[in-house]
Amino acid sequence: MREDKQLLVVTHLSQLLTCLTGFGGLLVPLVLWGTQKDKVFAMDKQGKEIINFQLSIIIYSLICIPLILLLGLGVLGLIIIGLISIAFPIINAIRANNNEVTNYPMSIRFIN
């Protein structure tokens, strides 16, 4: 296995594609993780964290949609989810570049 911090950083930052293009924030990290998990040191662990985080963000967003109609709190929830989905990929990309432990809060563990 090789150590490739740049690829780890790109994998974390590729989640921001959703903000730019509307899609790709799950697909690109999934492809990078799937193809590089056995070749790059720490890619398997961090890739699983990224996929779990993206799936969790999707679920939380889907939960907020009916809350818009019922309570109006869904809009606030979507704003908070949007800020979290921008901030934590950037924070964890910096951590990955510095060989620090990455952490995505509020992630549901779909993949262990």
C-alpha atoms as a PDB file:
ATOM      1  CA  MET A   1       0.000   0.000   0.000  1.00  0.00           C
ATOM      2  CA  ARG A   2       1.165   3.489  -0.754  1.00  0.00           C
ATOM      3  CA  GLU A   3       0.515   6.655   1.197  1.00  0.00           C
ATOM      4  CA  ASP A   4      -1.269   9.245  -0.935  1.00  0.00           C
ATOM      5  CA  LYS A   5      -2.456  12.232   1.080  1.00  0.00           C
ATOM      6  CA  GLN A   6      -3.443  14.164  -2.024  1.00  0.00           C
ATOM      7  CA  LEU A   7      -5.886  11.471  -3.114  1.00  0.00           C
ATOM      8  CA  LEU A   8      -7.394  11.399   0.376  1.00  0.00           C
ATOM      9  CA  VAL A   9      -7.792  15.185   0.273  1.00  0.00           C
ATOM     10  CA  VAL A  10      -9.405  15.003  -3.175  1.00  0.00           C
ATOM     11  CA  THR A  11     -11.756  12.280  -1.940  1.00  0.00           C
ATOM     12  CA  HIS A  12     -12.885  14.442   0.983  1.00  0.00           C
ATOM     13  CA  LEU A  13     -13.255  17.561  -1.172  1.00  0.00           C
ATOM     14  CA  SER A  14     -15.101  15.695  -3.931  1.00  0.00           C
ATOM     15  CA  GLN A  15     -18.140  15.711  -1.639  1.00  0.00           C
ATOM     16  CA  LEU A  16     -18.475  19.415  -2.442  1.00  0.00           C
ATOM     17  CA  LEU A  17     -19.456  18.519  -6.011  1.00  0.00           C
ATOM     18  CA  THR A  18     -23.036  18.380  -4.807  1.00  0.00           C
ATOM     19  CA  CYS A  19     -22.862  22.103  -4.015  1.00  0.00           C
ATOM     20  CA  LEU A  20     -21.413  22.916  -7.429  1.00  0.00           C
ATOM     21  CA  THR A  21     -23.218  20.537  -9.770  1.00  0.00           C
ATOM     22  CA  GLY A  22     -26.150  19.184  -7.770  1.00  0.00           C
ATOM     23  CA  PHE A  23     -24.852  15.624  -7.870  1.00  0.00           C
ATOM     24  CA  GLY A  24     -21.586  13.738  -7.592  1.00  0.00           C
ATOM     25  CA  GLY A  25     -21.001  14.235  -3.871  1.00  0.00           C
ATOM     26  CA  LEU A  26     -21.745  10.573  -3.265  1.00  0.00           C
ATOM     27  CA  LEU A  27     -20.802   9.072  -6.618  1.00  0.00           C
ATOM     28  CA  VAL A  28     -17.232  10.385  -6.970  1.00  0.00           C
ATOM     29  CA  PRO A  29     -16.082   9.430  -3.432  1.00  0.00           C
ATOM     30  CA  LEU A  30     -17.760   6.041  -3.895  1.00  0.00           C
ATOM     31  CA  VAL A  31     -15.810   5.402  -7.104  1.00  0.00           C
ATOM     32  CA  LEU A  32     -12.527   6.647  -5.598  1.00  0.00           C
ATOM     33  CA  TRP A  33     -13.017   4.540  -2.479  1.00  0.00           C
ATOM     34  CA  GLY A  34     -14.049   1.459  -4.460  1.00  0.00           C
ATOM     35  CA  THR A  35     -11.077   1.592  -6.795  1.00  0.00           C
ATOM     36  CA  GLN A  36      -8.378   2.716  -4.362  1.00  0.00           C
ATOM     37  CA  LYS A  37      -9.290   1.150  -0.994  1.00  0.00           C
ATOM     38  CA  ASP A  38      -6.776  -1.681  -1.399  1.00  0.00           C
ATOM     39  CA  LYS A  39      -4.049   0.503  -2.890  1.00  0.00           C
ATOM     40  CA  VAL A  40      -3.902   3.631  -0.714  1.00  0.00           C
ATOM     41  CA  PHE A  41      -3.193   3.606   3.008  1.00  0.00           C
ATOM     42  CA  ALA A  42      -6.199   4.846   5.080  1.00  0.00           C
ATOM     43  CA  MET A  43      -8.463   5.074   2.006  1.00  0.00           C
ATOM     44  CA  ASP A  44     -10.670   2.218   3.199  1.00  0.00           C
ATOM     45  CA  LYS A  45     -11.362   3.781   6.610  1.00  0.00           C
ATOM     46  CA  GLN A  46     -11.800   7.343   5.359  1.00  0.00           C
ATOM     47  CA  GLY A  47     -13.782   6.249   2.317  1.00  0.00           C
ATOM     48  CA  LYS A  48     -16.257   4.408   4.536  1.00  0.00           C
ATOM     49  CA  GLU A  49     -16.593   7.510   6.714  1.00  0.00           C
ATOM     50  CA  ILE A  50     -17.272   9.669   3.651  1.00  0.00           C
ATOM     51  CA  ILE A  51     -19.882   7.276   2.217  1.00  0.00           C
ATOM     52  CA  ASN A  52     -21.602   6.967   5.607  1.00  0.00           C
ATOM     53  CA  PHE A  53     -21.612  10.762   5.960  1.00  0.00           C
ATOM     54  CA  GLN A  54     -23.071  11.331   2.494  1.00  0.00           C
ATOM     55  CA  LEU A  55     -25.783   8.711   2.984  1.00  0.00           C
ATOM     56  CA  SER A  56     -26.609  10.241   6.374  1.00  0.00           C
ATOM     57  CA  ILE A  57     -26.872  13.722   4.840  1.00  0.00           C
ATOM     58  CA  ILE A  58     -29.279  12.371   2.221  1.00  0.00           C
ATOM     59  CA  ILE A  59     -31.450  10.707   4.896  1.00  0.00           C
ATOM     60  CA  TYR A  60     -31.482  13.815   7.106  1.00  0.00           C
ATOM     61  CA  SER A  61     -32.436  15.957   4.103  1.00  0.00           C
ATOM     62  CA  LEU A  62     -35.286  13.597   3.230  1.00  0.00           C
ATOM     63  CA  ILE A  63     -36.524  13.810   6.817  1.00  0.00           C
ATOM     64  CA  CYS A  64     -36.490  17.634   6.661  1.00  0.00           C
ATOM     65  CA  ILE A  65     -38.674  17.807   3.540  1.00  0.00           C
ATOM     66  CA  PRO A  66     -41.941  16.794   5.248  1.00  0.00           C
ATOM     67  CA  LEU A  67     -41.005  18.941   8.232  1.00  0.00           C
ATOM     68  CA  ILE A  68     -41.193  21.978   5.941  1.00  0.00           C
ATOM     69  CA  LEU A  69     -44.876  21.307   5.361  1.00  0.00           C
ATOM     70  CA  LEU A  70     -45.720  20.209   8.883  1.00  0.00           C
ATOM     71  CA  LEU A  71     -43.797  22.507  11.158  1.00  0.00           C
ATOM     72  CA  GLY A  72     -41.754  24.844   9.007  1.00  0.00           C
ATOM     73  CA  LEU A  73     -38.658  23.688  10.854  1.00  0.00           C
ATOM     74  CA  GLY A  74     -37.483  21.727   7.843  1.00  0.00           C
ATOM     75  CA  VAL A  75     -36.069  24.869   6.270  1.00  0.00           C
ATOM     76  CA  LEU A  76     -33.879  25.474   9.306  1.00  0.00           C
ATOM     77  CA  GLY A  77     -32.865  21.810   9.247  1.00  0.00           C
ATOM     78  CA  LEU A  78     -31.898  21.983   5.573  1.00  0.00           C
ATOM     79  CA  ILE A  79     -29.810  25.111   6.195  1.00  0.00           C
ATOM     80  CA  ILE A  80     -27.967  23.413   9.050  1.00  0.00           C
ATOM     81  CA  ILE A  81     -27.448  20.258   6.977  1.00  0.00           C
ATOM     82  CA  GLY A  82     -26.138  22.382   4.109  1.00  0.00           C
ATOM     83  CA  LEU A  83     -23.614  24.124   6.351  1.00  0.00           C
ATOM     84  CA  ILE A  84     -22.481  20.829   7.872  1.00  0.00           C
ATOM     85  CA  SER A  85     -22.127  19.221   4.444  1.00  0.00           C
ATOM     86  CA  ILE A  86     -19.838  22.068   3.357  1.00  0.00           C
ATOM     87  CA  ALA A  87     -17.804  22.527   6.538  1.00  0.00           C
ATOM     88  CA  PHE A  88     -16.884  18.974   7.484  1.00  0.00           C
ATOM     89  CA  PRO A  89     -15.473  17.838   4.117  1.00  0.00           C
ATOM     90  CA  ILE A  90     -13.159  20.883   4.192  1.00  0.00           C
ATOM     91  CA  ILE A  91     -12.163  20.307   7.829  1.00  0.00           C
ATOM     92  CA  ASN A  92     -11.502  16.616   7.213  1.00  0.00           C
ATOM     93  CA  ALA A  93      -9.550  17.296   4.020  1.00  0.00           C
ATOM     94  CA  ILE A  94      -7.228  19.491   6.073  1.00  0.00           C
ATOM     95  CA  ARG A  95      -6.998  16.788   8.740  1.00  0.00           C
ATOM     96  CA  ALA A  96      -6.231  14.122   6.127  1.00  0.00           C
ATOM     97  CA  ASN A  97      -3.495  16.298   4.676  1.00  0.00           C
ATOM     98  CA  ASN A  98      -1.946  16.660   8.154  1.00  0.00           C
ATOM     99  CA  ASN A  99      -2.218  12.896   8.887  1.00  0.00           C
ATOM    100  CA  GLU A 100      -4.750  13.560  11.652  1.00  0.00           C
ATOM    101  CA  VAL A 101      -7.815  11.482  12.481  1.00  0.00           C
ATOM    102  CA  THR A 102     -10.871  12.436  10.426  1.00  0.00           C
ATOM    103  CA  ASN A 103     -14.338  12.497  11.944  1.00  0.00           C
ATOM    104  CA  TYR A 104     -17.788  13.087  10.504  1.00  0.00           C
ATOM    105  CA  PRO A 105     -20.355  13.779  13.232  1.00  0.00           C
ATOM    106  CA  MET A 106     -23.929  12.556  13.068  1.00  0.00           C
ATOM    107  CA  SER A 107     -23.017   9.812  10.598  1.00  0.00           C
ATOM    108  CA  ILE A 108     -25.107   6.685  10.589  1.00  0.00           C
ATOM    109  CA  ARG A 109     -22.891   3.621  10.160  1.00  0.00           C
ATOM    110  CA  PHE A 110     -24.190   1.947   7.012  1.00  0.00           C
ATOM    111  CA  ILE A 111     -20.787   0.541   6.066  1.00  0.00           C
ATOM    112  CA  ASN A 112     -18.456  -0.768   8.789  1.00  0.00           C
END
